[in-house]
Structure formats: structure tokens, C-alpha cells
Amino acid sequence: MAPGITEEASIVFRNESELLGQVEDPEKYYIEEIMPRKLRLNLQYLKNYSLWKDLLLIFRTFGKVFS
């Protein structure tokens, strides 16, 4: 899959702006909470990527977008 099309972190944090809008210091929350989780998800993807998982990820993304 080409970088930037979709990723697990995009699905998990599809409501990122809502999360950031609920905290007193959005920048700090992003750096301390969201970014580390996104990085873990991306590293997990890199360690276990496959065409099958990429296809599932695309379908999951479409499912979230159109639900």
C-alpha cells in the first residue's frame, strides 16, 4: 500500500479533533497521548504488513467512512 492512503491510526483516531477539543492543552495531549499510540500502531503495521492486511485495512477504512 502506498503511504498515506490509510492506516490503522487513521481509523483508531478518526475523531482526533474531537478528542483534542475536549482537553485543556491539546498540543500536550497530542504529544503525550495520541502520538505515542499512533507510532506504536504504525510500528506494529511495519512489523506485520502483508497484502492481505492492507486489503483488510482498506475495507475497514471504507466501513468507517461510510457508516
Protein backbone atom coordinates (compact mmCIF):
# COMPACT_ATOMS: atom_id res chain seq x y z
CA MET A 1 0.00 0.00 0.00
CA ALA A 2 1.27 3.45 -0.80
CA PRO A 3 1.97 5.61 2.25
CA GLY A 4 -0.79 8.00 3.17
CA ILE A 5 -3.78 6.16 1.70
CA THR A 6 -4.94 4.79 5.05
CA GLU A 7 -3.53 3.39 8.25
CA GLU A 8 -4.70 1.81 11.48
CA ALA A 9 -4.06 5.05 13.35
CA SER A 10 -6.39 6.91 10.97
CA ILE A 11 -9.17 4.50 11.88
CA VAL A 12 -8.48 4.50 15.62
CA PHE A 13 -8.13 8.29 15.78
CA ARG A 14 -10.78 9.25 13.22
CA ASN A 15 -12.22 11.55 15.89
CA GLU A 16 -8.87 13.11 16.81
CA SER A 17 -10.12 16.69 16.51
CA GLU A 18 -12.96 15.89 18.93
CA LEU A 19 -10.50 14.39 21.40
CA LEU A 20 -8.24 17.41 21.18
CA GLY A 21 -11.21 19.74 21.61
CA GLN A 22 -12.05 18.13 24.95
CA VAL A 23 -8.72 18.75 26.67
CA GLU A 24 -7.22 21.84 28.24
CA ASP A 25 -3.88 21.59 26.41
CA PRO A 26 -4.41 19.92 23.01
CA GLU A 27 -0.75 20.11 21.98
CA LYS A 28 0.44 18.42 25.16
CA TYR A 29 -2.29 15.77 24.92
CA TYR A 30 -1.33 15.05 21.31
CA ILE A 31 2.37 14.74 22.12
CA GLU A 32 1.94 12.69 25.30
CA GLU A 33 -1.09 10.51 24.46
CA ILE A 34 -2.04 10.39 20.80
CA MET A 35 1.33 10.49 19.04
CA PRO A 36 2.86 7.59 21.02
CA ARG A 37 -0.19 5.40 20.29
CA LYS A 38 -0.07 6.31 16.59
CA LEU A 39 3.62 5.47 16.46
CA ARG A 40 3.02 2.09 18.15
CA LEU A 41 0.25 1.29 15.65
CA ASN A 42 2.49 2.24 12.73
CA LEU A 43 5.43 0.19 14.06
CA GLN A 44 3.11 -2.78 14.56
CA TYR A 45 1.98 -2.40 10.96
CA LEU A 46 5.56 -2.31 9.68
CA LYS A 47 6.45 -5.47 11.60
CA ASN A 48 3.43 -7.40 10.30
CA TYR A 49 2.48 -5.96 6.93
CA SER A 50 1.07 -8.07 4.12
CA LEU A 51 -1.11 -7.56 1.08
CA TRP A 52 -3.99 -9.31 2.85
CA LYS A 53 -3.74 -7.00 5.86
CA ASP A 54 -3.54 -3.98 3.55
CA LEU A 55 -6.76 -5.05 1.83
CA LEU A 56 -8.49 -5.57 5.18
CA LEU A 57 -7.31 -2.15 6.30
CA ILE A 58 -8.74 -0.54 3.17
CA PHE A 59 -12.10 -2.26 3.71
CA ARG A 60 -12.14 -1.25 7.37
CA THR A 61 -11.43 2.34 6.35
CA PHE A 62 -14.29 2.35 3.85
CA GLY A 63 -16.52 0.83 6.51
CA LYS A 64 -15.75 3.64 8.95
CA VAL A 65 -16.09 6.36 6.32
CA PHE A 66 -19.46 5.16 5.07
CA SER A 67 -21.00 4.13 8.41
